[in-house]
Amino acid sequence: MQLAFMILAWLVVAPLAMILLYLTVEVGAGLARSREITSSVSANNWSGAVLVPAHNEASGIATTVKALQFAAPDCRIVVVADNCTDETAGLAERAGAETIIRSDIDHRGKGFALAFGRDFLAKNPPDAVIVIDADCRLSAGSATRLIEKAVISGEPVQSINLLEAPASASPLVGISNFAMLVKNLVRARGLGRIGGGVLLFGTGMAFPWELFAKLDLATSDAVEDLQLGLSLAKQGVRVSFEDGALVTSPAASVADSKGQRSRWEHGFLQAAAQNGLPLLLAGLRQRSKHLFTIGAHMLVPPLAMLMLLSLCALAGVGIISLWSGQFGPLWLLFFSYVVALIILFAAWWREGRAVLGFQSLLRVPFYIVWKIPIYLGFFTSRQTVWNRTRRDGEKR
């Protein structure tokens, strides 16, 4: 009986310890900031378009268009008013954007809007296309970097994508924003350094036209950007990470973000179950660091879920160790867990203190508890369709 329980302990500990150690390596590789590299090519050599899919964005689309005109003055701004029931199209056009209207309630979602916008751009295609969500802001100089890198490399380029929240926001919002910073900055930078390519975030991503014209965009997948990045990886196309480019969007309140969080995390977990291990094994067979690290990256659950699983495993394995008198699995898991916590604290210290104050950092256990229903929902009421987060100032 003791032998059976020890085998069970090792079966739990071994994969969890490897996941924690891989996370440590990925975050560690991403902690060093990239050195600034001055562009040697004039942005005027390349034509670019910023494609903005927008569904019922009347409350902010004009501001978004004006901000994009300032941040990307040499680019065409094209807004796809997708199945809108408000004044999104008219407001975008009056703000100065090229505006096209899509009406097809049987095919909903961002992927269909992007495909529709691509068909419009195909009449006079740019050298590169940047995709920006309708509530996002592109920092100055980012468009130049993204377009230049996409055109020269012939491959997709992903910018940093972060959430911003006012100082009065809930500590749980700050923790959520820090988790996104770890994922979309530190881990992405580390993944690019150790494997050569990253995944797509859905906004702040640039494509050379030759590639964009061939992408399978018209899908209704709940996490279409993630699936697109995985599809590109399987085709041997690497997505570069450009941490000299930044896209930000306002963080939603805890109540308003729950539906979108469910979509993101349920979609990620589904994609991880389908692609993580096969990509990792394909990387081993093909001796491809790119595929191997993408697969390993997908096998790391969302941080809150990983911390919760680790604590539960420590408790269960601890009981087995006390009963059997064999502490090998417990010490391995404890070591892996502590090392991961240390590197995440280093990420907070280096990159996250402006996003998350120390007092709010102490509320992480409450954030993990808040997310338990989201994770349980993956098994009981999985979110499989696209949903839109309520914007600030909109009625519930």
Protein backbone atom coordinates (compact mmCIF):
# COMPACT_ATOMS: atom_id res chain seq x y z
CA MET A 1 0.00 0.00 0.00
CA GLN A 2 2.83 2.40 0.87
CA LEU A 3 4.46 1.67 -2.48
CA ALA A 4 1.25 2.48 -4.33
CA PHE A 5 0.91 5.81 -2.53
CA MET A 6 4.55 6.69 -3.19
CA ILE A 7 4.09 5.96 -6.90
CA LEU A 8 1.02 8.20 -6.82
CA ALA A 9 3.05 10.92 -5.08
CA TRP A 10 5.76 10.80 -7.75
CA LEU A 11 3.17 10.83 -10.53
CA VAL A 12 1.75 14.04 -9.07
CA VAL A 13 5.05 15.68 -8.19
CA ALA A 14 7.16 14.94 -11.27
CA PRO A 15 5.08 16.84 -13.88
CA LEU A 16 4.19 19.64 -11.46
CA ALA A 17 7.84 20.12 -10.48
CA MET A 18 8.90 20.22 -14.13
CA ILE A 19 6.23 22.83 -14.88
CA LEU A 20 7.35 24.98 -11.94
CA LEU A 21 11.00 24.69 -12.94
CA TYR A 22 10.24 25.54 -16.57
CA LEU A 23 8.29 28.60 -15.41
CA THR A 24 11.32 29.59 -13.33
CA VAL A 25 13.60 29.33 -16.36
CA GLU A 26 11.20 31.24 -18.62
CA VAL A 27 10.64 34.09 -16.15
CA GLY A 28 14.35 34.21 -15.32
CA ALA A 29 15.23 34.51 -19.00
CA GLY A 30 12.78 37.37 -19.36
CA LEU A 31 13.90 39.46 -16.40
CA ALA A 32 16.77 41.24 -18.16
CA ARG A 33 15.44 44.20 -20.15
CA SER A 34 16.39 44.43 -23.80
CA ARG A 35 18.83 47.11 -24.85
CA GLU A 36 17.36 49.86 -26.97
CA ILE A 37 18.19 49.45 -30.65
CA THR A 38 17.79 52.52 -32.80
CA SER A 39 16.05 51.84 -36.10
CA SER A 40 18.28 52.35 -39.12
CA VAL A 41 15.41 52.30 -41.62
CA SER A 42 13.01 55.19 -42.17
CA ALA A 43 9.39 54.29 -41.44
CA ASN A 44 8.45 56.11 -44.67
CA ASN A 45 9.92 53.21 -46.65
CA TRP A 46 7.04 50.98 -45.59
CA SER A 47 3.30 51.41 -45.84
CA GLY A 48 1.20 50.26 -42.92
CA ALA A 49 -2.43 49.90 -41.92
CA VAL A 50 -3.90 49.65 -38.43
CA LEU A 51 -6.92 47.34 -38.49
CA VAL A 52 -9.39 47.85 -35.64
CA PRO A 53 -12.23 45.33 -35.19
CA ALA A 54 -15.01 47.06 -33.25
CA HIS A 55 -18.29 45.75 -31.89
CA ASN A 56 -20.54 48.35 -30.24
CA GLU A 57 -17.64 50.63 -29.33
CA ALA A 58 -19.49 53.97 -29.67
CA SER A 59 -18.40 55.05 -26.19
CA GLY A 60 -14.73 55.20 -27.14
CA ILE A 61 -14.07 54.54 -30.81
CA ALA A 62 -13.56 58.21 -31.75
CA THR A 63 -10.97 58.61 -28.99
CA THR A 64 -9.25 55.42 -30.14
CA VAL A 65 -9.08 56.63 -33.74
CA LYS A 66 -7.63 60.00 -32.70
CA ALA A 67 -5.06 58.29 -30.49
CA LEU A 68 -4.02 55.96 -33.32
CA GLN A 69 -3.70 58.87 -35.74
CA PHE A 70 -1.27 60.46 -33.28
CA ALA A 71 0.65 57.25 -32.53
CA ALA A 72 0.77 56.02 -36.15
CA PRO A 73 0.55 59.14 -38.34
CA ASP A 74 1.84 57.37 -41.46
CA CYS A 75 -0.63 54.48 -41.26
CA ARG A 76 -4.11 54.03 -42.60
CA ILE A 77 -6.61 53.55 -39.77
CA VAL A 78 -9.31 51.06 -40.80
CA VAL A 79 -12.22 50.35 -38.43
CA VAL A 80 -14.42 47.31 -39.00
CA ALA A 81 -17.80 48.08 -37.41
CA ASP A 82 -18.77 44.47 -36.80
CA ASN A 83 -22.44 43.64 -36.17
CA CYS A 84 -22.88 46.94 -34.35
CA THR A 85 -26.23 48.18 -33.03
CA ASP A 86 -24.89 51.60 -32.03
CA GLU A 87 -23.13 54.54 -33.69
CA THR A 88 -19.67 52.95 -33.88
CA ALA A 89 -19.38 53.27 -37.67
CA GLY A 90 -20.45 56.90 -37.92
CA LEU A 91 -18.30 58.03 -35.02
CA ALA A 92 -15.23 56.23 -36.38
CA GLU A 93 -15.72 57.76 -39.83
CA ARG A 94 -16.20 61.27 -38.46
CA ALA A 95 -13.03 60.83 -36.40
CA GLY A 96 -11.11 60.22 -39.63
CA ALA A 97 -10.89 56.43 -39.93
CA GLU A 98 -11.63 54.43 -43.05
CA THR A 99 -14.75 52.64 -41.86
CA ILE A 100 -16.41 49.51 -43.19
CA ILE A 101 -19.57 47.88 -41.88
CA ARG A 102 -19.99 44.15 -41.47
CA SER A 103 -23.44 42.65 -40.76
CA ASP A 104 -23.57 38.88 -40.33
CA ILE A 105 -25.11 37.74 -37.06
CA ASP A 106 -24.54 34.07 -37.94
CA HIS A 107 -20.77 34.57 -37.93
CA ARG A 108 -19.77 36.50 -34.85
CA GLY A 109 -16.34 37.14 -33.44
CA LYS A 110 -13.12 38.99 -33.98
CA GLY A 111 -11.74 36.53 -36.52
CA PHE A 112 -14.57 37.20 -38.97
CA ALA A 113 -14.14 40.97 -38.53
CA LEU A 114 -10.41 40.70 -39.29
CA ALA A 115 -11.05 38.63 -42.40
CA PHE A 116 -13.59 41.23 -43.57
CA GLY A 117 -11.09 44.02 -42.99
CA ARG A 118 -8.41 42.09 -44.87
CA ASP A 119 -10.68 41.78 -47.89
CA PHE A 120 -11.09 45.56 -47.84
CA LEU A 121 -7.33 46.16 -47.55
CA ALA A 122 -6.62 43.72 -50.39
CA LYS A 123 -7.83 46.34 -52.87
CA ASN A 124 -4.78 48.44 -51.99
CA PRO A 125 -2.64 46.32 -49.69
CA PRO A 126 -0.09 47.85 -47.32
CA ASP A 127 3.32 46.36 -46.62
CA ALA A 128 2.23 45.39 -43.12
CA VAL A 129 -0.93 45.29 -40.99
CA ILE A 130 -1.14 46.01 -37.27
CA VAL A 131 -4.16 44.65 -35.40
CA ILE A 132 -5.36 46.75 -32.46
CA ASP A 133 -8.42 46.17 -30.28
CA ALA A 134 -10.90 49.03 -30.14
CA ASP A 135 -10.17 49.96 -26.52
CA CYS A 136 -6.37 49.86 -26.86
CA ARG A 137 -3.71 52.57 -27.11
CA LEU A 138 -0.54 52.25 -29.14
CA SER A 139 2.49 54.01 -27.67
CA ALA A 140 4.45 56.51 -29.75
CA GLY A 141 6.98 54.88 -32.08
CA SER A 142 5.46 51.42 -31.68
CA ALA A 143 3.87 51.35 -35.13
CA THR A 144 7.20 52.13 -36.78
CA ARG A 145 8.96 49.32 -34.91
CA LEU A 146 6.24 46.77 -35.59
CA ILE A 147 5.88 47.54 -39.30
CA GLU A 148 9.61 47.64 -39.93
CA LYS A 149 10.29 44.39 -38.10
CA ALA A 150 7.38 42.58 -39.77
CA VAL A 151 8.38 43.69 -43.26
CA ILE A 152 12.08 42.96 -42.87
CA SER A 153 11.65 39.58 -41.16
CA GLY A 154 8.65 38.46 -43.22
CA GLU A 155 7.17 37.09 -39.99
CA PRO A 156 4.58 38.24 -37.43
CA VAL A 157 5.64 40.55 -34.60
CA GLN A 158 3.99 40.87 -31.20
CA SER A 159 4.27 43.94 -28.98
CA ILE A 160 3.97 44.10 -25.22
CA ASN A 161 0.31 44.18 -24.20
CA LEU A 162 -0.54 45.43 -20.71
CA LEU A 163 -3.54 46.58 -18.71
CA GLU A 164 -3.71 49.93 -16.96
CA ALA A 165 -5.82 50.73 -13.93
CA PRO A 166 -6.36 53.87 -11.81
CA ALA A 167 -4.80 54.05 -8.36
CA SER A 168 -8.28 53.60 -6.85
CA ALA A 169 -8.77 50.19 -8.48
CA SER A 170 -9.37 47.10 -6.37
CA PRO A 171 -6.26 45.19 -5.22
CA LEU A 172 -7.64 42.19 -7.14
CA VAL A 173 -7.51 44.26 -10.33
CA GLY A 174 -3.88 45.12 -9.57
CA ILE A 175 -3.02 41.46 -9.03
CA SER A 176 -4.74 40.55 -12.29
CA ASN A 177 -2.78 43.26 -14.11
CA PHE A 178 0.47 41.97 -12.62
CA ALA A 179 -0.35 38.42 -13.75
CA MET A 180 -0.87 39.78 -17.26
CA LEU A 181 2.44 41.68 -17.05
CA VAL A 182 4.21 38.44 -16.15
CA LYS A 183 2.54 36.66 -19.08
CA ASN A 184 2.70 39.37 -21.75
CA LEU A 185 6.05 40.92 -20.89
CA VAL A 186 8.36 38.86 -18.70
CA ARG A 187 7.38 35.37 -19.84
CA ALA A 188 6.99 36.45 -23.47
CA ARG A 189 10.45 38.00 -23.46
CA GLY A 190 11.85 34.84 -21.85
CA LEU A 191 10.05 32.54 -24.28
CA GLY A 192 11.40 34.49 -27.23
CA ARG A 193 14.93 34.33 -25.87
CA ILE A 194 15.04 30.61 -25.14
CA GLY A 195 12.92 29.39 -28.05
CA GLY A 196 13.04 32.09 -30.69
CA GLY A 197 9.32 32.74 -30.97
CA VAL A 198 6.27 33.70 -28.92
CA LEU A 199 2.49 33.39 -29.15
CA LEU A 200 0.03 36.09 -30.20
CA PHE A 201 -1.94 38.25 -27.75
CA GLY A 202 -4.69 39.40 -30.12
CA THR A 203 -3.77 43.09 -30.08
CA GLY A 204 -0.53 44.88 -30.86
CA MET A 205 0.39 42.23 -33.40
CA ALA A 206 1.79 43.04 -36.84
CA PHE A 207 1.90 40.91 -39.98
CA PRO A 208 3.65 41.37 -43.32
CA TRP A 209 0.95 41.56 -45.95
CA GLU A 210 2.13 38.47 -47.84
CA LEU A 211 1.50 36.40 -44.72
CA PHE A 212 -1.60 38.24 -43.53
CA ALA A 213 -3.27 37.65 -46.88
CA LYS A 214 -3.01 33.87 -46.39
CA LEU A 215 -4.00 33.51 -42.74
CA ASP A 216 -7.06 31.52 -41.72
CA LEU A 217 -8.76 34.36 -39.85
CA ALA A 218 -12.49 33.70 -40.24
CA THR A 219 -13.07 31.54 -37.18
CA SER A 220 -15.31 31.80 -34.14
CA ASP A 221 -12.83 30.32 -31.69
CA ALA A 222 -13.07 31.91 -28.25
CA VAL A 223 -9.29 32.47 -28.22
CA GLU A 224 -8.68 33.00 -31.93
CA ASP A 225 -5.38 34.82 -31.38
CA LEU A 226 -3.92 31.96 -29.33
CA GLN A 227 -5.04 29.39 -31.89
CA LEU A 228 -3.57 31.48 -34.70
CA GLY A 229 -0.21 31.63 -32.93
CA LEU A 230 -0.24 27.87 -32.39
CA SER A 231 -1.14 27.27 -36.02
CA LEU A 232 1.75 29.44 -37.16
CA ALA A 233 4.17 27.60 -34.86
CA LYS A 234 3.10 24.26 -36.35
CA GLN A 235 3.80 25.69 -39.81
CA GLY A 236 7.30 26.71 -38.73
CA VAL A 237 6.48 30.43 -38.61
CA ARG A 238 8.00 32.24 -35.65
CA VAL A 239 6.35 35.23 -34.00
CA SER A 240 8.97 37.75 -32.89
CA PHE A 241 8.57 39.66 -29.63
CA GLU A 242 9.18 43.40 -29.85
CA ASP A 243 9.47 44.81 -26.35
CA GLY A 244 10.20 48.24 -27.77
CA ALA A 245 6.53 48.44 -28.77
CA LEU A 246 3.69 48.74 -26.29
CA VAL A 247 -0.09 48.45 -26.43
CA THR A 248 -2.21 49.20 -23.38
CA SER A 249 -5.88 48.94 -22.55
CA PRO A 250 -7.93 49.96 -19.49
CA ALA A 251 -8.41 47.24 -16.92
CA ALA A 252 -12.03 46.30 -16.27
CA SER A 253 -13.47 46.02 -12.79
CA VAL A 254 -13.44 42.63 -11.10
CA ALA A 255 -17.16 42.14 -11.80
CA ASP A 256 -16.94 43.16 -15.45
CA SER A 257 -13.86 41.10 -16.22
CA LYS A 258 -15.08 37.74 -14.91
CA GLY A 259 -16.76 36.71 -18.17
CA GLN A 260 -13.75 37.61 -20.26
CA ARG A 261 -11.39 35.95 -17.78
CA SER A 262 -13.45 32.78 -18.10
CA ARG A 263 -13.20 32.92 -21.89
CA TRP A 264 -9.45 33.53 -21.84
CA GLU A 265 -8.59 30.89 -19.29
CA HIS A 266 -11.04 28.24 -20.44
CA GLY A 267 -9.82 28.77 -23.99
CA PHE A 268 -6.20 28.54 -22.89
CA LEU A 269 -6.77 25.37 -20.89
CA GLN A 270 -8.59 23.76 -23.82
CA ALA A 271 -5.82 24.75 -26.23
CA ALA A 272 -3.16 23.56 -23.77
CA ALA A 273 -4.80 20.16 -23.41
CA GLN A 274 -4.92 19.78 -27.20
CA ASN A 275 -1.55 21.25 -28.14
CA GLY A 276 0.87 21.43 -25.21
CA LEU A 277 2.27 17.91 -25.06
CA PRO A 278 2.07 17.25 -28.84
CA LEU A 279 4.07 20.42 -29.55
CA LEU A 280 6.63 19.57 -26.89
CA LEU A 281 7.08 16.06 -28.31
CA ALA A 282 7.22 17.42 -31.86
CA GLY A 283 9.98 19.76 -30.73
CA LEU A 284 11.95 16.82 -29.40
CA ARG A 285 11.46 14.77 -32.58
CA GLN A 286 12.34 17.65 -34.89
CA ARG A 287 15.03 19.08 -32.60
CA SER A 288 13.16 22.37 -32.68
CA LYS A 289 13.65 24.69 -29.71
CA HIS A 290 10.78 26.77 -31.01
CA LEU A 291 8.19 23.98 -30.93
CA PHE A 292 9.56 22.53 -27.69
CA THR A 293 9.38 25.80 -25.78
CA ILE A 294 5.95 26.71 -27.21
CA GLY A 295 4.71 23.31 -26.01
CA ALA A 296 6.32 23.75 -22.60
CA HIS A 297 4.88 27.26 -22.36
CA MET A 298 1.39 25.91 -23.05
CA LEU A 299 1.75 23.30 -20.31
CA VAL A 300 2.13 26.01 -17.66
CA PRO A 301 -1.36 26.75 -16.29
CA PRO A 302 -2.45 30.31 -15.44
CA LEU A 303 -0.41 31.49 -12.45
CA ALA A 304 -3.25 31.48 -9.91
CA MET A 305 -4.23 27.97 -10.95
CA LEU A 306 -0.62 26.78 -10.79
CA MET A 307 -0.18 28.18 -7.28
CA LEU A 308 -3.44 26.55 -6.15
CA LEU A 309 -2.53 23.17 -7.65
CA SER A 310 0.93 23.34 -6.08
CA LEU A 311 -0.44 24.08 -2.61
CA CYS A 312 -2.97 21.26 -2.87
CA ALA A 313 -0.28 18.87 -4.08
CA LEU A 314 2.07 19.92 -1.27
CA ALA A 315 -0.65 19.16 1.28
CA GLY A 316 -1.51 15.77 -0.25
CA VAL A 317 2.09 14.68 -0.79
CA GLY A 318 2.97 15.91 2.69
CA ILE A 319 0.39 13.58 4.21
CA ILE A 320 1.73 10.66 2.16
CA SER A 321 5.31 11.47 3.18
CA LEU A 322 4.44 11.61 6.89
CA TRP A 323 2.62 8.29 6.63
CA SER A 324 5.30 6.52 4.58
CA GLY A 325 8.38 8.18 6.07
CA GLN A 326 9.71 8.93 2.56
CA PHE A 327 10.09 12.63 1.83
CA GLY A 328 11.72 12.67 -1.62
CA PRO A 329 8.62 13.79 -3.58
CA LEU A 330 7.73 16.39 -0.96
CA TRP A 331 11.19 17.98 -0.98
CA LEU A 332 11.31 18.10 -4.79
CA LEU A 333 7.91 19.79 -5.01
CA PHE A 334 8.69 22.17 -2.16
CA PHE A 335 11.99 23.17 -3.75
CA SER A 336 10.37 23.72 -7.16
CA TYR A 337 7.55 25.74 -5.62
CA VAL A 338 9.83 27.98 -3.57
CA VAL A 339 12.16 28.64 -6.50
CA ALA A 340 9.15 29.60 -8.66
CA LEU A 341 7.89 31.94 -5.94
CA ILE A 342 11.30 33.57 -5.66
CA ILE A 343 11.56 34.23 -9.40
CA LEU A 344 8.00 35.60 -9.50
CA PHE A 345 8.87 37.92 -6.62
CA ALA A 346 11.93 39.01 -8.60
CA ALA A 347 9.63 39.74 -11.56
CA TRP A 348 7.41 41.83 -9.30
CA TRP A 349 10.41 43.69 -7.90
CA ARG A 350 11.88 44.44 -11.31
CA GLU A 351 8.79 45.04 -13.44
CA GLY A 352 5.65 44.97 -11.36
CA ARG A 353 5.93 47.38 -8.44
CA ALA A 354 4.34 50.20 -10.43
CA VAL A 355 1.40 47.92 -11.22
CA LEU A 356 0.99 46.24 -7.85
CA GLY A 357 1.91 47.75 -4.48
CA PHE A 358 3.33 45.58 -1.73
CA GLN A 359 0.15 45.73 0.37
CA SER A 360 -1.90 44.58 -2.62
CA LEU A 361 0.64 41.82 -3.24
CA LEU A 362 -0.34 40.38 0.14
CA ARG A 363 -3.89 39.91 -1.21
CA VAL A 364 -2.77 37.27 -3.72
CA PRO A 365 -4.39 34.42 -1.69
CA PHE A 366 -7.77 36.18 -2.00
CA TYR A 367 -7.25 36.52 -5.75
CA ILE A 368 -6.57 32.79 -6.03
CA VAL A 369 -9.76 32.03 -4.10
CA TRP A 370 -11.71 34.43 -6.36
CA LYS A 371 -10.54 32.50 -9.40
CA ILE A 372 -11.53 29.04 -8.13
CA PRO A 373 -15.07 29.29 -9.61
CA ILE A 374 -13.55 30.23 -12.99
CA TYR A 375 -11.41 27.11 -12.95
CA LEU A 376 -14.29 24.91 -11.80
CA GLY A 377 -16.33 26.41 -14.62
CA PHE A 378 -13.92 24.85 -17.11
CA PHE A 379 -15.43 21.49 -16.15
CA THR A 380 -19.03 22.56 -15.44
CA SER A 381 -19.87 25.52 -17.71
CA ARG A 382 -17.01 26.04 -20.14
CA GLN A 383 -16.92 29.41 -21.92
CA THR A 384 -16.53 28.60 -25.60
CA VAL A 385 -17.82 31.68 -27.43
CA TRP A 386 -16.50 35.20 -27.87
CA ASN A 387 -17.75 37.78 -25.36
CA ARG A 388 -17.10 41.47 -24.92
CA THR A 389 -16.10 43.12 -21.67
CA ARG A 390 -18.22 46.07 -20.62
CA ARG A 391 -16.37 49.35 -21.16
CA ASP A 392 -16.01 51.97 -18.48
CA GLY A 393 -19.07 54.22 -18.45
CA GLU A 394 -21.37 51.76 -20.22
CA LYS A 395 -24.55 50.57 -18.58
CA ARG A 396 -24.57 47.09 -17.16
